C-alpha atoms as a PDB file:
ATOM      1  CA  MET A   1     -35.617  18.347   2.126  1.00  0.00           C
ATOM      2  CA  PRO A   2     -34.292  16.073   4.983  1.00  0.00           C
ATOM      3  CA  ASP A   3     -31.764  16.937   7.307  1.00  0.00           C
ATOM      4  CA  VAL A   4     -29.351  14.620   5.758  1.00  0.00           C
ATOM      5  CA  ILE A   5     -25.625  15.966   7.105  1.00  0.00           C
ATOM      6  CA  ALA A   6     -27.224  15.365  10.998  1.00  0.00           C
ATOM      7  CA  ASP A   7     -28.040  11.821  10.885  1.00  0.00           C
ATOM      8  CA  LEU A   8     -24.245  11.018   9.680  1.00  0.00           C
ATOM      9  CA  THR A   9     -22.164   9.660  12.070  1.00  0.00           C
ATOM     10  CA  LEU A  10     -18.648  10.958  11.932  1.00  0.00           C
ATOM     11  CA  ILE A  11     -15.192   8.833  12.862  1.00  0.00           C
ATOM     12  CA  GLY A  12     -12.372  10.701  12.904  1.00  0.00           C
ATOM     13  CA  ALA A  13      -8.977   9.590  13.270  1.00  0.00           C
ATOM     14  CA  GLN A  14      -8.370   8.546  16.998  1.00  0.00           C
ATOM     15  CA  THR A  15     -11.519   6.468  16.579  1.00  0.00           C
ATOM     16  CA  ILE A  16     -10.413   4.414  13.259  1.00  0.00           C
ATOM     17  CA  THR A  17      -7.099   3.971  15.658  1.00  0.00           C
ATOM     18  CA  ASP A  18      -9.172   2.743  18.420  1.00  0.00           C
ATOM     19  CA  ARG A  19     -11.946   0.538  16.289  1.00  0.00           C
ATOM     20  CA  VAL A  20      -9.340  -0.781  13.807  1.00  0.00           C
ATOM     21  CA  SER A  21      -6.040  -2.743  14.206  1.00  0.00           C
ATOM     22  CA  MET A  22      -3.185  -3.609  11.915  1.00  0.00           C
ATOM     23  CA  ALA A  23      -3.596  -6.729  12.104  1.00  0.00           C
ATOM     24  CA  ALA A  24      -7.490  -6.957  11.759  1.00  0.00           C
ATOM     25  CA  ALA A  25      -7.606  -4.620   8.610  1.00  0.00           C
ATOM     26  CA  ILE A  26      -4.768  -7.480   7.281  1.00  0.00           C
ATOM     27  CA  ASP A  27      -7.437 -10.135   8.358  1.00  0.00           C
ATOM     28  CA  GLU A  28     -10.246  -8.299   6.572  1.00  0.00           C
ATOM     29  CA  LEU A  29      -8.344  -7.831   3.326  1.00  0.00           C
ATOM     30  CA  GLN A  30      -7.162 -11.258   3.182  1.00  0.00           C
ATOM     31  CA  ARG A  31     -10.642 -12.566   3.745  1.00  0.00           C
ATOM     32  CA  VAL A  32     -12.584 -10.549   1.345  1.00  0.00           C
ATOM     33  CA  LEU A  33      -9.267 -11.543  -1.524  1.00  0.00           C
ATOM     34  CA  ARG A  34     -10.355 -15.250  -0.221  1.00  0.00           C
ATOM     35  CA  ALA A  35     -13.555 -15.461  -0.731  1.00  0.00           C
ATOM     36  CA  GLY A  36     -13.585 -14.859  -4.203  1.00  0.00           C
ATOM     37  CA  PHE A  37     -13.603 -11.089  -4.884  1.00  0.00           C
ATOM     38  CA  ASP A  38     -11.606 -10.007  -7.942  1.00  0.00           C
ATOM     39  CA  PRO A  39     -10.342  -6.537  -7.590  1.00  0.00           C
ATOM     40  CA  GLU A  40     -10.340  -6.289 -11.805  1.00  0.00           C
ATOM     41  CA  GLU A  41     -14.321  -5.891 -10.803  1.00  0.00           C
ATOM     42  CA  ASP A  42     -13.542  -2.639  -8.826  1.00  0.00           C
ATOM     43  CA  LEU A  43     -15.181   0.565  -9.896  1.00  0.00           C
ATOM     44  CA  PRO A  44     -12.864   2.834 -11.785  1.00  0.00           C
ATOM     45  CA  ARG A  45     -11.070   5.592  -9.587  1.00  0.00           C
ATOM     46  CA  GLY A  46     -11.049   8.885 -11.314  1.00  0.00           C
ATOM     47  CA  ILE A  47      -7.488  10.945 -11.266  1.00  0.00           C
ATOM     48  CA  LEU A  48      -7.665  14.501 -12.244  1.00  0.00           C
ATOM     49  CA  ASP A  49      -5.189  17.172 -12.270  1.00  0.00           C
ATOM     50  CA  VAL A  50      -5.891  20.462 -10.588  1.00  0.00           C
ATOM     51  CA  PRO A  51      -3.398  23.357  -9.465  1.00  0.00           C
ATOM     52  CA  ASN A  52      -0.934  22.212  -6.984  1.00  0.00           C
ATOM     53  CA  GLY A  53      -1.674  18.329  -6.665  1.00  0.00           C
ATOM     54  CA  GLN A  54      -4.416  15.834  -7.749  1.00  0.00           C
ATOM     55  CA  LEU A  55      -8.175  15.032  -7.104  1.00  0.00           C
ATOM     56  CA  LEU A  56      -8.977  11.004  -6.813  1.00  0.00           C
ATOM     57  CA  LEU A  57     -12.204  10.091  -6.952  1.00  0.00           C
ATOM     58  CA  MET A  58     -12.481   5.947  -5.700  1.00  0.00           C
ATOM     59  CA  PRO A  59     -15.815   4.242  -5.632  1.00  0.00           C
ATOM     60  CA  ALA A  60     -16.621   0.994  -4.738  1.00  0.00           C
ATOM     61  CA  ALA A  61     -18.753  -1.681  -3.937  1.00  0.00           C
ATOM     62  CA  VAL A  62     -18.472  -4.840  -2.384  1.00  0.00           C
ATOM     63  CA  ASP A  63     -20.572  -7.384  -0.490  1.00  0.00           C
ATOM     64  CA  GLY A  64     -23.555  -5.434  -0.767  1.00  0.00           C
ATOM     65  CA  ALA A  65     -21.713  -1.960   0.862  1.00  0.00           C
ATOM     66  CA  VAL A  66     -21.057   1.085  -1.238  1.00  0.00           C
ATOM     67  CA  GLY A  67     -18.785   4.239  -0.702  1.00  0.00           C
ATOM     68  CA  GLN A  68     -16.499   6.316  -1.956  1.00  0.00           C
ATOM     69  CA  LYS A  69     -13.381   8.172  -1.179  1.00  0.00           C
ATOM     70  CA  PHE A  70     -12.385  11.514  -2.428  1.00  0.00           C
ATOM     71  CA  ALA A  71      -8.637  12.254  -1.583  1.00  0.00           C
ATOM     72  CA  THR A  72      -6.105  14.883  -2.759  1.00  0.00           C
ATOM     73  CA  VAL A  73      -2.167  14.398  -3.664  1.00  0.00           C
ATOM     74  CA  ALA A  74      -0.375  17.270  -2.828  1.00  0.00           C
ATOM     75  CA  PRO A  75       3.615  16.767  -3.802  1.00  0.00           C
ATOM     76  CA  GLY A  76       4.247  20.156  -1.841  1.00  0.00           C
ATOM     77  CA  ASN A  77       2.487  19.379   1.040  1.00  0.00           C
ATOM     78  CA  PRO A  78       5.152  17.502   3.181  1.00  0.00           C
ATOM     79  CA  ALA A  79       7.454  20.271   3.296  1.00  0.00           C
ATOM     80  CA  ARG A  80       4.741  22.122   4.880  1.00  0.00           C
ATOM     81  CA  GLY A  81       4.063  19.795   7.870  1.00  0.00           C
ATOM     82  CA  LEU A  82       1.325  17.913   6.074  1.00  0.00           C
ATOM     83  CA  GLU A  83       0.454  14.861   4.557  1.00  0.00           C
ATOM     84  CA  ARG A  84       0.991  14.279   0.808  1.00  0.00           C
ATOM     85  CA  ILE A  85      -2.424  12.602   0.831  1.00  0.00           C
ATOM     86  CA  GLN A  86      -5.675  13.517   2.558  1.00  0.00           C
ATOM     87  CA  ALA A  87      -8.906  12.616   2.176  1.00  0.00           C
ATOM     88  CA  LEU A  88     -12.345  11.775   3.589  1.00  0.00           C
ATOM     89  CA  TYR A  89     -14.359   8.545   2.947  1.00  0.00           C
ATOM     90  CA  ILE A  90     -18.170   8.381   3.041  1.00  0.00           C
ATOM     91  CA  LEU A  91     -20.262   5.692   3.520  1.00  0.00           C
ATOM     92  CA  LEU A  92     -23.651   4.531   1.513  1.00  0.00           C
ATOM     93  CA  ASP A  93     -26.299   2.131   2.660  1.00  0.00           C
ATOM     94  CA  GLY A  94     -25.688   0.031   0.273  1.00  0.00           C
ATOM     95  CA  THR A  95     -29.631  -0.440  -0.528  1.00  0.00           C
ATOM     96  CA  THR A  96     -30.588   2.907  -0.670  1.00  0.00           C
ATOM     97  CA  LEU A  97     -27.176   4.656  -1.270  1.00  0.00           C
ATOM     98  CA  ALA A  98     -27.761   7.038   1.760  1.00  0.00           C
ATOM     99  CA  PRO A  99     -25.168   8.366   3.163  1.00  0.00           C
ATOM    100  CA  THR A 100     -24.061   6.787   6.567  1.00  0.00           C
ATOM    101  CA  ALA A 101     -20.992   7.385   7.885  1.00  0.00           C
ATOM    102  CA  ILE A 102     -18.088  10.228   6.944  1.00  0.00           C
ATOM    103  CA  LEU A 103     -14.785   8.890   8.041  1.00  0.00           C
ATOM    104  CA  ASP A 104     -11.192  10.351   8.379  1.00  0.00           C
ATOM    105  CA  GLY A 105      -9.835   9.205   4.692  1.00  0.00           C
ATOM    106  CA  THR A 106      -6.083  10.422   5.606  1.00  0.00           C
ATOM    107  CA  ALA A 107      -6.289   8.077   8.536  1.00  0.00           C
ATOM    108  CA  LEU A 108      -8.041   5.296   6.680  1.00  0.00           C
ATOM    109  CA  THR A 109      -5.478   5.760   3.780  1.00  0.00           C
ATOM    110  CA  SER A 110      -2.719   5.640   6.320  1.00  0.00           C
ATOM    111  CA  LEU A 111      -3.804   1.791   7.747  1.00  0.00           C
ATOM    112  CA  ARG A 112      -5.244   0.384   4.731  1.00  0.00           C
ATOM    113  CA  THR A 113      -1.899   0.924   2.195  1.00  0.00           C
ATOM    114  CA  PRO A 114       0.062  -0.303   4.918  1.00  0.00           C
ATOM    115  CA  ALA A 115      -2.456  -3.594   5.807  1.00  0.00           C
ATOM    116  CA  VAL A 116      -2.416  -4.390   1.567  1.00  0.00           C
ATOM    117  CA  SER A 117       0.785  -4.785   1.260  1.00  0.00           C
ATOM    118  CA  ALA A 118       1.297  -7.072   4.698  1.00  0.00           C
ATOM    119  CA  ALA A 119      -1.353  -9.215   3.454  1.00  0.00           C
ATOM    120  CA  CYS A 120       0.117 -10.104   0.292  1.00  0.00           C
ATOM    121  CA  VAL A 121       3.491 -10.241   2.109  1.00  0.00           C
ATOM    122  CA  ASP A 122       1.922 -12.819   4.553  1.00  0.00           C
ATOM    123  CA  LEU A 123       1.647 -14.946   2.024  1.00  0.00           C
ATOM    124  CA  LEU A 124       4.890 -14.397  -0.423  1.00  0.00           C
ATOM    125  CA  ALA A 125       7.634 -13.998   2.143  1.00  0.00           C
ATOM    126  CA  ASN A 126       9.389 -16.829   4.074  1.00  0.00           C
ATOM    127  CA  PRO A 127       8.367 -17.720   7.290  1.00  0.00           C
ATOM    128  CA  ASP A 128      11.246 -16.656   9.126  1.00  0.00           C
ATOM    129  CA  ALA A 129      11.801 -13.223   6.892  1.00  0.00           C
ATOM    130  CA  GLY A 130      12.052 -10.565   9.767  1.00  0.00           C
ATOM    131  CA  ASP A 131      14.885  -8.101   8.160  1.00  0.00           C
ATOM    132  CA  ALA A 132      13.848  -5.298   6.593  1.00  0.00           C
ATOM    133  CA  VAL A 133      14.716  -2.007   4.345  1.00  0.00           C
ATOM    134  CA  ILE A 134      11.792   0.529   4.130  1.00  0.00           C
ATOM    135  CA  PHE A 135      12.578   3.445   1.716  1.00  0.00           C
ATOM    136  CA  GLY A 136      11.099   6.561   2.522  1.00  0.00           C
ATOM    137  CA  THR A 137      10.312   8.221   6.406  1.00  0.00           C
ATOM    138  CA  GLY A 138       6.688   9.213   5.763  1.00  0.00           C
ATOM    139  CA  PRO A 139       3.914   8.190   7.678  1.00  0.00           C
ATOM    140  CA  GLN A 140       3.714   5.086   5.223  1.00  0.00           C
ATOM    141  CA  ALA A 141       7.016   4.002   5.617  1.00  0.00           C
ATOM    142  CA  VAL A 142       6.387   4.035   9.305  1.00  0.00           C
ATOM    143  CA  ARG A 143       3.012   2.198   9.091  1.00  0.00           C
ATOM    144  CA  HIS A 144       4.341  -0.126   6.968  1.00  0.00           C
ATOM    145  CA  VAL A 145       6.853  -1.212  10.162  1.00  0.00           C
ATOM    146  CA  GLU A 146       3.604  -1.478  11.907  1.00  0.00           C
ATOM    147  CA  ALA A 147       1.974  -3.960   9.103  1.00  0.00           C
ATOM    148  CA  LEU A 148       5.305  -5.561   8.474  1.00  0.00           C
ATOM    149  CA  GLN A 149       5.409  -6.464  12.449  1.00  0.00           C
ATOM    150  CA  ALA A 150       1.644  -7.959  12.591  1.00  0.00           C
ATOM    151  CA  ILE A 151       2.682 -10.576   9.921  1.00  0.00           C
ATOM    152  CA  ARG A 152       6.115 -11.309  11.207  1.00  0.00           C
ATOM    153  CA  PRO A 153       8.733 -10.967  14.293  1.00  0.00           C
ATOM    154  CA  LEU A 154      11.436  -7.837  12.770  1.00  0.00           C
ATOM    155  CA  ARG A 155      14.678  -8.462  13.784  1.00  0.00           C
ATOM    156  CA  SER A 156      16.050  -5.088  12.302  1.00  0.00           C
ATOM    157  CA  VAL A 157      14.712  -2.706  10.657  1.00  0.00           C
ATOM    158  CA  GLU A 158      16.747   0.268   8.535  1.00  0.00           C
ATOM    159  CA  LEU A 159      14.684   3.026   7.376  1.00  0.00           C
ATOM    160  CA  ILE A 160      16.494   5.216   4.184  1.00  0.00           C
ATOM    161  CA  GLY A 161      15.716   8.880   3.310  1.00  0.00           C
ATOM    162  CA  ARG A 162      17.248  12.025   1.961  1.00  0.00           C
ATOM    163  CA  ASN A 163      16.594  13.686   5.322  1.00  0.00           C
ATOM    164  CA  THR A 164      18.507  12.686   8.098  1.00  0.00           C
ATOM    165  CA  GLU A 165      16.405  14.990  10.688  1.00  0.00           C
ATOM    166  CA  ARG A 166      13.186  12.945   9.236  1.00  0.00           C
ATOM    167  CA  ALA A 167      14.643   9.427   8.837  1.00  0.00           C
ATOM    168  CA  ALA A 168      15.833   9.915  12.597  1.00  0.00           C
ATOM    169  CA  ALA A 169      12.474  11.084  13.656  1.00  0.00           C
ATOM    170  CA  ALA A 170      10.401   7.760  11.692  1.00  0.00           C
ATOM    171  CA  VAL A 171      12.928   5.844  13.290  1.00  0.00           C
ATOM    172  CA  ASP A 172      11.872   6.929  16.759  1.00  0.00           C
ATOM    173  CA  GLU A 173       8.089   7.019  15.483  1.00  0.00           C
ATOM    174  CA  ALA A 174       8.892   3.276  14.401  1.00  0.00           C
ATOM    175  CA  ARG A 175      10.259   2.016  17.383  1.00  0.00           C
ATOM    176  CA  GLN A 176       6.356   1.112  18.878  1.00  0.00           C
ATOM    177  CA  TYR A 177       5.150  -0.334  16.417  1.00  0.00           C
ATOM    178  CA  ALA A 178       8.391  -3.112  16.688  1.00  0.00           C
ATOM    179  CA  PRO A 179       9.898  -2.588  20.050  1.00  0.00           C
ATOM    180  CA  ASP A 180      11.598  -5.374  19.681  1.00  0.00           C
ATOM    181  CA  ALA A 181      13.435  -4.866  16.605  1.00  0.00           C
ATOM    182  CA  ARG A 182      16.983  -2.846  15.576  1.00  0.00           C
ATOM    183  CA  ILE A 183      15.687   0.327  14.462  1.00  0.00           C
ATOM    184  CA  THR A 184      18.349   2.037  12.470  1.00  0.00           C
ATOM    185  CA  ILE A 185      18.873   4.756   9.742  1.00  0.00           C
ATOM    186  CA  GLY A 186      20.204   2.998   7.090  1.00  0.00           C
ATOM    187  CA  THR A 187      21.816   3.553   3.584  1.00  0.00           C
ATOM    188  CA  PRO A 188      20.832   1.759   0.214  1.00  0.00           C
ATOM    189  CA  ASP A 189      23.298  -1.042   0.163  1.00  0.00           C
ATOM    190  CA  ALA A 190      21.447  -2.399   3.160  1.00  0.00           C
ATOM    191  CA  VAL A 191      19.139  -3.892   0.803  1.00  0.00           C
ATOM    192  CA  TYR A 192      21.541  -6.887   0.387  1.00  0.00           C
ATOM    193  CA  ASP A 193      20.729  -7.768   4.281  1.00  0.00           C
ATOM    194  CA  ALA A 194      16.974  -7.815   3.978  1.00  0.00           C
ATOM    195  CA  ASP A 195      14.544 -10.014   3.209  1.00  0.00           C
ATOM    196  CA  LEU A 196      11.764  -7.381   3.280  1.00  0.00           C
ATOM    197  CA  ILE A 197      12.387  -4.545   1.266  1.00  0.00           C
ATOM    198  CA  VAL A 198       9.547  -1.691   1.210  1.00  0.00           C
ATOM    199  CA  CYS A 199       9.801   1.500  -1.517  1.00  0.00           C
ATOM    200  CA  ALA A 200       7.577   4.277   0.290  1.00  0.00           C
ATOM    201  CA  THR A 201       8.822   7.287  -1.463  1.00  0.00           C
ATOM    202  CA  THR A 202       7.895   9.745  -4.346  1.00  0.00           C
ATOM    203  CA  ALA A 203      10.717   9.000  -6.617  1.00  0.00           C
ATOM    204  CA  SER A 204      10.575   8.941 -10.200  1.00  0.00           C
ATOM    205  CA  ASP A 205      13.427   6.335 -10.608  1.00  0.00           C
ATOM    206  CA  PRO A 206      14.771   3.775  -9.504  1.00  0.00           C
ATOM    207  CA  LEU A 207      16.058   4.065  -5.631  1.00  0.00           C
ATOM    208  CA  PHE A 208      18.852   0.761  -5.927  1.00  0.00           C
ATOM    209  CA  ALA A 209      20.427  -1.939  -8.166  1.00  0.00           C
ATOM    210  CA  SER A 210      18.724  -5.160  -9.484  1.00  0.00           C
ATOM    211  CA  ASP A 211      21.465  -6.894  -7.924  1.00  0.00           C
ATOM    212  CA  LEU A 212      21.498  -6.159  -5.051  1.00  0.00           C
ATOM    213  CA  VAL A 213      18.211  -7.926  -4.455  1.00  0.00           C
ATOM    214  CA  ARG A 214      18.853 -11.412  -3.277  1.00  0.00           C
ATOM    215  CA  ASP A 215      16.403 -14.497  -4.474  1.00  0.00           C
ATOM    216  CA  ASP A 216      14.740 -14.839  -0.890  1.00  0.00           C
ATOM    217  CA  ALA A 217      13.342 -11.112  -0.852  1.00  0.00           C
ATOM    218  CA  THR A 218       9.811  -9.894  -1.103  1.00  0.00           C
ATOM    219  CA  ILE A 219       9.693  -6.404  -2.149  1.00  0.00           C
ATOM    220  CA  VAL A 220       6.814  -3.981  -1.532  1.00  0.00           C
ATOM    221  CA  ALA A 221       6.823  -1.021  -4.082  1.00  0.00           C
ATOM    222  CA  ILE A 222       3.342   1.376  -3.189  1.00  0.00           C
ATOM    223  CA  GLY A 223       5.618   5.000  -3.710  1.00  0.00           C
ATOM    224  CA  SER A 224       3.651   6.259  -6.694  1.00  0.00           C
ATOM    225  CA  HIS A 225       0.564   5.255  -8.869  1.00  0.00           C
ATOM    226  CA  GLU A 226       1.370   7.527 -11.861  1.00  0.00           C
ATOM    227  CA  PRO A 227       2.793   5.373 -15.086  1.00  0.00           C
ATOM    228  CA  GLN A 228       5.908   7.911 -15.281  1.00  0.00           C
ATOM    229  CA  LYS A 229       7.165   6.944 -12.135  1.00  0.00           C
ATOM    230  CA  ALA A 230       8.857   3.842 -10.614  1.00  0.00           C
ATOM    231  CA  GLU A 231      11.072   2.657  -7.336  1.00  0.00           C
ATOM    232  CA  LEU A 232      12.371  -0.441  -9.430  1.00  0.00           C
ATOM    233  CA  ASP A 233      14.591  -1.061 -11.490  1.00  0.00           C
ATOM    234  CA  PRO A 234      13.355  -2.555 -14.977  1.00  0.00           C
ATOM    235  CA  ALA A 235      15.840  -5.407 -13.949  1.00  0.00           C
ATOM    236  CA  LEU A 236      14.670  -6.697 -11.118  1.00  0.00           C
ATOM    237  CA  VAL A 237      11.090  -6.482 -12.456  1.00  0.00           C
ATOM    238  CA  GLY A 238      11.705  -8.947 -14.825  1.00  0.00           C
ATOM    239  CA  ARG A 239      13.975 -11.136 -12.873  1.00  0.00           C
ATOM    240  CA  SER A 240      10.709 -11.621 -10.383  1.00  0.00           C
ATOM    241  CA  GLN A 241       7.482 -12.686  -9.518  1.00  0.00           C
ATOM    242  CA  VAL A 242       5.323  -9.840  -9.956  1.00  0.00           C
ATOM    243  CA  ILE A 243       1.720  -9.210  -7.768  1.00  0.00           C
ATOM    244  CA  VAL A 244      -0.214  -6.591  -8.694  1.00  0.00           C
ATOM    245  CA  GLU A 245      -4.063  -5.501  -7.614  1.00  0.00           C
ATOM    246  CA  SER A 246      -5.574  -6.129 -11.382  1.00  0.00           C
ATOM    247  CA  ARG A 247      -3.916  -6.198 -14.319  1.00  0.00           C
ATOM    248  CA  ARG A 248      -6.036  -3.029 -15.643  1.00  0.00           C
ATOM    249  CA  VAL A 249      -4.704  -1.215 -13.212  1.00  0.00           C
ATOM    250  CA  GLY A 250      -0.473  -2.595 -12.978  1.00  0.00           C
ATOM    251  CA  THR A 251      -0.325  -1.949 -17.198  1.00  0.00           C
ATOM    252  CA  SER A 252      -1.747   1.677 -16.808  1.00  0.00           C
ATOM    253  CA  GLU A 253      -0.815   3.034 -13.479  1.00  0.00           C
ATOM    254  CA  ALA A 254       2.170   0.963 -12.330  1.00  0.00           C
ATOM    255  CA  GLY A 255       5.177   2.837 -13.453  1.00  0.00           C
ATOM    256  CA  ASP A 256       7.374   0.049 -12.313  1.00  0.00           C
ATOM    257  CA  VAL A 257       5.312  -2.531 -14.016  1.00  0.00           C
ATOM    258  CA  ILE A 258       5.225  -0.387 -17.103  1.00  0.00           C
ATOM    259  CA  ARG A 259       8.891   0.583 -17.491  1.00  0.00           C
ATOM    260  CA  ALA A 260       9.326  -2.947 -17.491  1.00  0.00           C
ATOM    261  CA  LEU A 261       6.842  -4.283 -20.244  1.00  0.00           C
ATOM    262  CA  GLU A 262       8.292  -1.089 -22.480  1.00  0.00           C
ATOM    263  CA  ALA A 263      11.847  -2.327 -21.597  1.00  0.00           C
ATOM    264  CA  GLY A 264      11.252  -5.881 -22.549  1.00  0.00           C
ATOM    265  CA  THR A 265      12.435  -7.441 -18.782  1.00  0.00           C
ATOM    266  CA  LEU A 266       8.561  -8.686 -18.561  1.00  0.00           C
ATOM    267  CA  GLN A 267       5.647  -9.909 -19.929  1.00  0.00           C
ATOM    268  CA  ASP A 268       1.791  -8.907 -19.355  1.00  0.00           C
ATOM    269  CA  ALA A 269       1.581 -12.633 -19.265  1.00  0.00           C
ATOM    270  CA  ASP A 270       3.815 -12.808 -16.550  1.00  0.00           C
ATOM    271  CA  LEU A 271       1.606 -10.381 -14.362  1.00  0.00           C
ATOM    272  CA  VAL A 272       0.289 -12.068 -11.288  1.00  0.00           C
ATOM    273  CA  THR A 273      -3.315 -10.883  -9.981  1.00  0.00           C
ATOM    274  CA  MET A 274      -4.227 -10.458  -6.097  1.00  0.00           C
ATOM    275  CA  HIS A 275      -7.067 -12.602  -7.233  1.00  0.00           C
ATOM    276  CA  ASP A 276      -4.957 -15.320  -9.088  1.00  0.00           C
ATOM    277  CA  LEU A 277      -2.493 -15.314  -5.440  1.00  0.00           C
ATOM    278  CA  PHE A 278      -5.738 -15.271  -2.696  1.00  0.00           C
ATOM    279  CA  THR A 279      -7.334 -18.500  -4.846  1.00  0.00           C
ATOM    280  CA  GLY A 280      -4.591 -20.553  -6.013  1.00  0.00           C
ATOM    281  CA  ALA A 281      -4.494 -20.437  -9.320  1.00  0.00           C
ATOM    282  CA  VAL A 282      -0.725 -19.267  -9.224  1.00  0.00           C
ATOM    283  CA  ALA A 283       1.922 -20.068  -6.396  1.00  0.00           C
ATOM    284  CA  PRO A 284       4.385 -17.735  -4.447  1.00  0.00           C
ATOM    285  CA  ALA A 285       7.448 -18.247  -6.345  1.00  0.00           C
ATOM    286  CA  THR A 286      10.363 -19.950  -4.408  1.00  0.00           C
ATOM    287  CA  ASP A 287      13.313 -19.394  -6.654  1.00  0.00           C
ATOM    288  CA  ARG A 288      13.231 -15.536  -7.425  1.00  0.00           C
ATOM    289  CA  PRO A 289      12.197 -12.575  -5.653  1.00  0.00           C
ATOM    290  CA  ARG A 290       8.288 -11.717  -4.893  1.00  0.00           C
ATOM    291  CA  ILE A 291       7.580  -7.858  -5.774  1.00  0.00           C
ATOM    292  CA  VAL A 292       4.278  -6.919  -4.532  1.00  0.00           C
ATOM    293  CA  LYS A 293       3.178  -3.758  -6.715  1.00  0.00           C
ATOM    294  CA  THR A 294       0.128  -1.516  -5.321  1.00  0.00           C
ATOM    295  CA  CYS A 295      -1.657   1.607  -6.450  1.00  0.00           C
ATOM    296  CA  GLY A 296      -4.901   2.002  -4.495  1.00  0.00           C
ATOM    297  CA  MET A 297      -8.179   0.728  -4.966  1.00  0.00           C
ATOM    298  CA  GLY A 298     -11.391   1.660  -3.799  1.00  0.00           C
ATOM    299  CA  TRP A 299     -12.610  -1.715  -2.451  1.00  0.00           C
ATOM    300  CA  GLN A 300      -9.218  -1.278  -0.184  1.00  0.00           C
ATOM    301  CA  ASP A 301     -10.476   1.304   1.201  1.00  0.00           C
ATOM    302  CA  LEU A 302     -14.398  -0.057   1.914  1.00  0.00           C
ATOM    303  CA  ALA A 303     -13.284  -3.346   3.162  1.00  0.00           C
ATOM    304  CA  THR A 304     -11.214  -1.108   5.717  1.00  0.00           C
ATOM    305  CA  ALA A 305     -13.937   1.390   6.729  1.00  0.00           C
ATOM    306  CA  ARG A 306     -16.634  -1.188   7.646  1.00  0.00           C
ATOM    307  CA  LEU A 307     -14.087  -2.146  10.359  1.00  0.00           C
ATOM    308  CA  ALA A 308     -14.416   1.231  11.755  1.00  0.00           C
ATOM    309  CA  ILE A 309     -18.281   1.314  11.949  1.00  0.00           C
END
């Protein structure tokens, strides 16, 4: 039997960082969507419960390329000083389906998730948006500073977390990505002055009241892919234009969307998919907040992983 492993290219976290900038990842995700790819056609993700967390199996086939992410979600890891989400990514030859490369999937996820957010925010946010509030102090919160800075010059960033020490560390780390912005620890009432709001937490219930959010704000919620969890108030979801990756994922995994549908503040027909947004079928709203709710899909990893080869 041939030694397949010996022929694989191994791509570590630093190589991904060196080869794929945040701006390049954002551009590629936008290109894929503008070219007509519909995430509704993405291969379904498998989510399996195991002791201490979940296993996620995320296959994808886009533009002749094929890949699969094997990810784990371990809620107890941050307390151990470890990443909550860890992963490996396997790229395959599109014709033979032979494995060709293994990438650090943790680093890939840390890049592609904020890149997806920014790809959409770039179309939705006001041209002069530059005051951000970010709920969360983990890697995703920090990398969203980098992603937002790639599409809008940030004036200020307030990072909000339950642990002051972690929040201070996140502030220090985030300053490398937006050196000209004023980056500080914030409180939830800062939402009122923000035109960019990011929710990157493991919260099960809404983080702030709907009436704090201005009509010209753009909100990103990426903290959960679990139907029973929500970072946003159903009232806020109901009065906003809501962009989801696909209708299938939005109505089955996005707790923020599911709660609003159950509360009657949102109707299924109100949802705007990324395909709708990027093909111009639906224009960004200008009279109400815009929400980008993502749960993570395989096509996003594949599109970003290809850039590292």
